[in-house]
Amino acid sequence: MKVATIGFFDGVHRGHRFLIQSVIESARALRAQSVLITFNRHPLSVLHSENSPELLTLEDERQYLLRQTGVDEIVVLPFSTELSLLSARDFMAEVLKERLGVTTLILGYDHHFGNKNMGHDYESYGRELGIEILRCGEVNGVSSSLIRSLLLVGDIKSANESLGYNYFIRGIVVHGHHLGRTIGFPTANLDIAHEKLLPREGAYCVRVVVGEYEYDGMMNIGRNAVEVHLLDFEGNLYGKRIEIKVTDFIRSETEFTSLDELKNQLEKDKQYLLCQKY
């Protein structure tokens, strides 16, 4: 017996976790396996690439967060045009029933799958195929779209509240212009996958994960670069993959007329960061 749910789960936010927990608890009650069925890429990247959103979580990040939920099994389906053309009934019969052996399917309150032109009477298909269909409630309107919109206006605290964790960005440290080093604020410049959604341009309070250690820091997102200054860090980061946990928005992106003006503002940013910490 298998209790499953299906979705892309971008961000693995509080709403997703509520649904996943329902799957785990239902499976436990039935002495069945809990299963998450997801896709290797966002469906819109195949169906309407021009409308495909930037992602809250890249594939490896999403898998990492999904594994933390405690679900028994994660099934990743390659999303393709051919898969999108399957009717809901055929998907339930060929994939859920025959391939995966799903006996109970729990769906999010507004989730739909299968070719939209061929019907979505999941309960009827389920009775025919021997799959029980259940619906799960929502969590205060939390959605991936809402979180994207919050990040794009710099409302980090609300975004993190909806996510249930601090929004994070991972990237490889690359060489930049080394300007920050000349004014006492050396920065690590990040090479970040273009699919990853970045919050609005500006300065942020962050926590920086380097290996097993975490440091307070300030991140700046500009038009052409993402760079972070780590407090109380000494060492070489070039070529290393680091994680930036975004905790608060400090100010909008600003153009400075001199290095002294930039340094004075960075000192103010640092004081803001320290005040937030203590």
Protein backbone atom coordinates (compact mmCIF):
# COMPACT_ATOMS: atom_id res chain seq x y z
CA MET A 1 0.00 0.00 0.00
CA LYS A 2 1.22 3.49 -0.86
CA VAL A 3 -0.13 6.91 0.11
CA ALA A 4 1.12 9.56 -2.30
CA THR A 5 0.87 13.17 -3.34
CA ILE A 6 2.06 14.87 -6.50
CA GLY A 7 3.44 18.31 -7.32
CA PHE A 8 6.51 20.32 -8.27
CA PHE A 9 6.94 21.64 -4.68
CA ASP A 10 9.00 24.70 -5.60
CA GLY A 11 10.36 26.11 -2.34
CA VAL A 12 9.02 23.20 -0.25
CA HIS A 13 7.18 25.85 1.76
CA ARG A 14 4.83 25.58 4.75
CA GLY A 15 1.87 24.71 2.53
CA HIS A 16 3.81 21.88 0.89
CA ARG A 17 5.00 20.63 4.26
CA PHE A 18 1.44 20.59 5.61
CA LEU A 19 0.39 18.45 2.63
CA ILE A 20 3.41 16.17 2.96
CA GLN A 21 2.80 15.71 6.68
CA SER A 22 -0.77 14.68 5.87
CA VAL A 23 0.61 12.03 3.52
CA ILE A 24 3.05 10.76 6.16
CA GLU A 25 0.39 10.60 8.88
CA SER A 26 -2.15 8.88 6.60
CA ALA A 27 0.46 6.34 5.51
CA ARG A 28 1.40 5.66 9.13
CA ALA A 29 -2.26 5.10 10.05
CA LEU A 30 -2.66 2.65 7.16
CA ARG A 31 0.73 1.01 7.73
CA ALA A 32 1.59 2.03 4.19
CA GLN A 33 4.51 3.77 2.49
CA SER A 34 4.47 7.55 2.06
CA VAL A 35 5.44 8.70 -1.44
CA LEU A 36 6.15 12.11 -3.02
CA ILE A 37 5.80 12.26 -6.80
CA THR A 38 7.50 15.24 -8.37
CA PHE A 39 9.12 16.36 -11.63
CA ASN A 40 12.67 17.12 -12.71
CA ARG A 41 11.68 20.55 -14.04
CA HIS A 42 8.87 23.06 -13.74
CA PRO A 43 5.97 22.05 -16.05
CA LEU A 44 5.78 25.57 -17.49
CA SER A 45 9.38 25.28 -18.70
CA VAL A 46 8.07 22.65 -21.13
CA LEU A 47 4.50 23.84 -21.80
CA HIS A 48 5.00 27.63 -21.89
CA SER A 49 8.69 28.42 -21.48
CA GLU A 50 8.06 32.16 -21.83
CA ASN A 51 5.93 32.03 -18.66
CA SER A 52 8.17 29.70 -16.67
CA PRO A 53 9.01 31.34 -13.32
CA GLU A 54 12.43 31.73 -11.79
CA LEU A 55 12.76 29.05 -9.15
CA LEU A 56 12.75 29.32 -5.38
CA THR A 57 14.67 26.05 -5.28
CA LEU A 58 16.89 24.47 -7.90
CA GLU A 59 16.58 20.71 -8.42
CA ASP A 60 19.28 19.71 -5.91
CA GLU A 61 17.97 22.22 -3.35
CA ARG A 62 14.41 20.95 -3.73
CA GLN A 63 15.51 17.33 -3.34
CA TYR A 64 17.51 18.26 -0.23
CA LEU A 65 14.47 19.91 1.38
CA LEU A 66 12.10 17.11 0.36
CA ARG A 67 14.37 14.47 1.90
CA GLN A 68 14.22 16.38 5.20
CA THR A 69 10.44 15.90 5.43
CA GLY A 70 10.82 12.25 6.44
CA VAL A 71 8.77 10.83 3.55
CA ASP A 72 9.56 7.19 2.70
CA GLU A 73 10.05 7.57 -1.05
CA ILE A 74 10.57 10.38 -3.56
CA VAL A 75 9.80 9.64 -7.21
CA VAL A 76 11.12 12.13 -9.77
CA LEU A 77 9.39 11.93 -13.16
CA PRO A 78 10.99 13.51 -16.24
CA PHE A 79 8.45 16.13 -17.32
CA SER A 80 7.94 16.11 -21.08
CA THR A 81 5.41 17.13 -23.71
CA GLU A 82 4.37 13.49 -23.99
CA LEU A 83 3.68 13.28 -20.25
CA SER A 84 1.68 16.52 -20.35
CA LEU A 85 -0.61 15.07 -23.04
CA LEU A 86 -1.75 12.20 -20.83
CA SER A 87 -5.27 12.60 -19.48
CA ALA A 88 -5.67 12.58 -15.70
CA ARG A 89 -7.26 9.14 -15.92
CA ASP A 90 -4.45 7.71 -18.06
CA PHE A 91 -1.83 9.21 -15.75
CA MET A 92 -3.56 7.69 -12.74
CA ALA A 93 -3.87 4.31 -14.46
CA GLU A 94 -0.45 4.07 -16.14
CA VAL A 95 1.78 5.92 -13.70
CA LEU A 96 0.12 5.96 -10.30
CA LYS A 97 -1.56 2.55 -10.36
CA GLU A 98 0.51 0.34 -12.65
CA ARG A 99 4.00 1.77 -12.28
CA LEU A 100 4.00 3.03 -8.69
CA GLY A 101 1.25 1.03 -6.98
CA VAL A 102 -0.44 4.04 -5.36
CA THR A 103 -3.54 3.15 -3.33
CA THR A 104 -4.33 6.58 -1.81
CA LEU A 105 -3.68 9.96 -3.45
CA ILE A 106 -3.82 13.15 -1.37
CA LEU A 107 -4.04 16.35 -3.40
CA GLY A 108 -3.49 19.96 -2.42
CA TYR A 109 -6.65 22.02 -2.10
CA ASP A 110 -6.30 23.54 -5.61
CA HIS A 111 -3.95 21.09 -7.35
CA HIS A 112 -4.71 19.70 -10.80
CA PHE A 113 -2.80 17.35 -13.04
CA GLY A 114 -3.37 15.72 -16.43
CA ASN A 115 -4.31 17.24 -19.79
CA LYS A 116 -6.67 20.09 -18.93
CA ASN A 117 -8.87 19.37 -21.96
CA MET A 118 -9.65 15.79 -20.94
CA GLY A 119 -11.34 16.17 -17.57
CA HIS A 120 -10.28 16.21 -13.93
CA ASP A 121 -12.81 13.98 -12.20
CA TYR A 122 -10.18 12.42 -9.96
CA GLU A 123 -12.65 10.91 -7.52
CA SER A 124 -14.50 9.07 -10.31
CA TYR A 125 -11.27 7.83 -11.86
CA GLY A 126 -10.09 6.76 -8.43
CA ARG A 127 -13.18 4.68 -7.75
CA GLU A 128 -12.71 2.98 -11.11
CA LEU A 129 -9.01 2.29 -10.56
CA GLY A 130 -9.06 1.49 -6.86
CA ILE A 131 -7.26 4.67 -5.75
CA GLU A 132 -8.77 6.64 -2.87
CA ILE A 133 -8.67 10.40 -3.53
CA LEU A 134 -8.42 12.84 -0.63
CA ARG A 135 -8.09 16.65 -0.56
CA CYS A 136 -5.89 18.57 1.86
CA GLY A 137 -6.63 22.08 3.12
CA GLU A 138 -4.48 25.15 2.55
CA VAL A 139 -2.15 26.96 4.96
CA ASN A 140 -3.27 30.61 5.10
CA GLY A 141 -2.96 31.06 1.34
CA VAL A 142 0.77 30.20 1.26
CA SER A 143 1.95 29.53 -2.30
CA SER A 144 5.14 29.55 -4.34
CA SER A 145 3.77 32.48 -6.36
CA LEU A 146 3.13 34.51 -3.21
CA ILE A 147 6.66 33.88 -1.95
CA ARG A 148 8.18 34.90 -5.28
CA SER A 149 6.25 38.17 -5.19
CA LEU A 150 7.40 38.85 -1.61
CA LEU A 151 11.05 38.27 -2.51
CA LEU A 152 10.80 40.52 -5.55
CA VAL A 153 9.73 43.46 -3.38
CA GLY A 154 12.32 42.69 -0.68
CA ASP A 155 9.84 41.53 1.97
CA ILE A 156 12.24 38.90 3.25
CA LYS A 157 10.67 38.37 6.65
CA SER A 158 7.22 37.60 5.20
CA ALA A 159 8.77 35.33 2.57
CA ASN A 160 10.71 33.44 5.23
CA GLU A 161 7.57 33.12 7.36
CA SER A 162 5.74 31.54 4.42
CA LEU A 163 8.67 29.28 3.60
CA GLY A 164 9.20 28.14 7.17
CA TYR A 165 12.95 28.73 6.84
CA ASN A 166 15.33 31.45 5.63
CA TYR A 167 15.41 31.80 1.86
CA PHE A 168 18.81 30.64 0.65
CA ILE A 169 21.03 31.11 -2.38
CA ARG A 170 23.91 28.81 -3.27
CA GLY A 171 26.74 29.67 -5.61
CA ILE A 172 30.41 29.29 -6.49
CA VAL A 173 32.75 32.09 -5.36
CA VAL A 174 34.43 33.70 -8.37
CA HIS A 175 36.83 36.61 -8.85
CA GLY A 176 35.32 40.10 -8.98
CA HIS A 177 36.81 43.60 -9.16
CA HIS A 178 38.28 43.40 -5.59
CA LEU A 179 36.93 46.91 -4.87
CA GLY A 180 35.61 46.01 -1.42
CA ARG A 181 39.04 44.88 -0.27
CA THR A 182 40.43 48.40 -0.77
CA ILE A 183 37.95 49.91 1.74
CA GLY A 184 38.02 47.17 4.37
CA PHE A 185 34.97 45.22 3.14
CA PRO A 186 36.26 42.30 1.06
CA THR A 187 33.44 40.53 -0.74
CA ALA A 188 32.88 37.10 -2.26
CA ASN A 189 31.29 37.32 -5.71
CA LEU A 190 28.89 34.50 -6.50
CA ASP A 191 28.20 32.63 -9.72
CA ILE A 192 24.53 31.63 -9.39
CA ALA A 193 22.41 29.50 -11.74
CA HIS A 194 20.26 31.76 -13.93
CA GLU A 195 17.09 29.83 -13.04
CA LYS A 196 17.36 30.82 -9.37
CA LEU A 197 15.13 33.67 -8.24
CA LEU A 198 17.04 36.53 -6.63
CA PRO A 199 15.32 39.00 -4.30
CA ARG A 200 15.07 42.64 -5.42
CA GLU A 201 18.28 44.60 -5.89
CA GLY A 202 19.65 45.94 -2.64
CA ALA A 203 21.55 45.14 0.55
CA TYR A 204 20.60 42.31 2.91
CA CYS A 205 21.48 40.78 6.26
CA VAL A 206 22.56 37.18 5.72
CA ARG A 207 24.06 34.12 7.33
CA VAL A 208 26.80 32.53 5.23
CA VAL A 209 27.45 28.80 5.39
CA VAL A 210 31.04 27.82 4.54
CA GLY A 211 31.57 24.12 5.04
CA GLU A 212 30.58 23.34 8.63
CA TYR A 213 30.65 26.95 9.81
CA GLU A 214 28.24 29.90 9.65
CA TYR A 215 29.10 33.59 9.61
CA ASP A 216 27.10 36.80 9.79
CA GLY A 217 27.32 38.79 6.61
CA MET A 218 25.98 41.49 4.33
CA MET A 219 24.93 40.68 0.76
CA ASN A 220 24.45 43.09 -2.09
CA ILE A 221 22.38 42.17 -5.11
CA GLY A 222 23.18 44.47 -8.01
CA ARG A 223 22.38 44.56 -11.68
CA ASN A 224 25.38 42.49 -12.66
CA ALA A 225 26.64 40.86 -9.48
CA VAL A 226 25.77 39.20 -6.21
CA GLU A 227 28.44 39.71 -3.57
CA VAL A 228 28.65 39.03 0.13
CA HIS A 229 30.88 40.32 2.92
CA LEU A 230 31.48 37.90 5.80
CA LEU A 231 32.04 39.26 9.30
CA ASP A 232 34.88 37.73 11.32
CA PHE A 233 36.11 35.52 8.48
CA GLU A 234 39.63 35.01 7.27
CA GLY A 235 40.54 32.71 4.42
CA ASN A 236 40.27 32.04 0.70
CA LEU A 237 36.82 31.29 -0.69
CA TYR A 238 37.60 31.25 -4.41
CA GLY A 239 36.15 28.19 -6.11
CA LYS A 240 34.15 27.14 -3.05
CA ARG A 241 30.41 26.61 -3.03
CA ILE A 242 28.77 28.59 -0.25
CA GLU A 243 25.19 29.06 0.94
CA ILE A 244 23.64 32.43 1.73
CA LYS A 245 20.65 32.45 4.11
CA VAL A 246 18.81 35.74 3.64
CA THR A 247 17.40 37.07 6.91
CA ASP A 248 16.47 40.74 6.39
CA PHE A 249 16.35 43.57 3.86
CA ILE A 250 18.54 46.57 4.70
CA ARG A 251 18.12 49.08 1.87
CA SER A 252 17.62 49.50 -1.87
CA GLU A 253 20.49 49.42 -4.36
CA THR A 254 22.32 52.77 -4.33
CA GLU A 255 24.85 54.43 -6.64
CA PHE A 256 27.75 56.07 -4.83
CA THR A 257 29.83 59.00 -6.07
CA SER A 258 32.98 58.06 -4.15
CA LEU A 259 34.65 55.19 -2.29
CA ASP A 260 34.34 57.13 0.98
CA GLU A 261 30.58 57.41 0.49
CA LEU A 262 30.38 53.67 -0.21
CA LYS A 263 32.49 52.85 2.85
CA ASN A 264 30.34 55.06 5.11
CA GLN A 265 27.17 53.34 3.89
CA LEU A 266 28.67 49.88 4.42
CA GLU A 267 29.55 50.86 7.98
CA LYS A 268 25.90 51.86 8.51
CA ASP A 269 24.77 48.56 6.97
CA LYS A 270 27.07 46.69 9.34
CA GLN A 271 25.65 48.53 12.34
CA TYR A 272 22.12 47.67 11.19
CA LEU A 273 23.12 44.01 10.91
CA LEU A 274 24.66 44.00 14.39
CA CYS A 275 21.59 45.71 15.87
CA GLN A 276 19.31 43.08 14.32
CA LYS A 277 21.50 40.34 15.72
CA TYR A 278 21.55 41.66 19.28
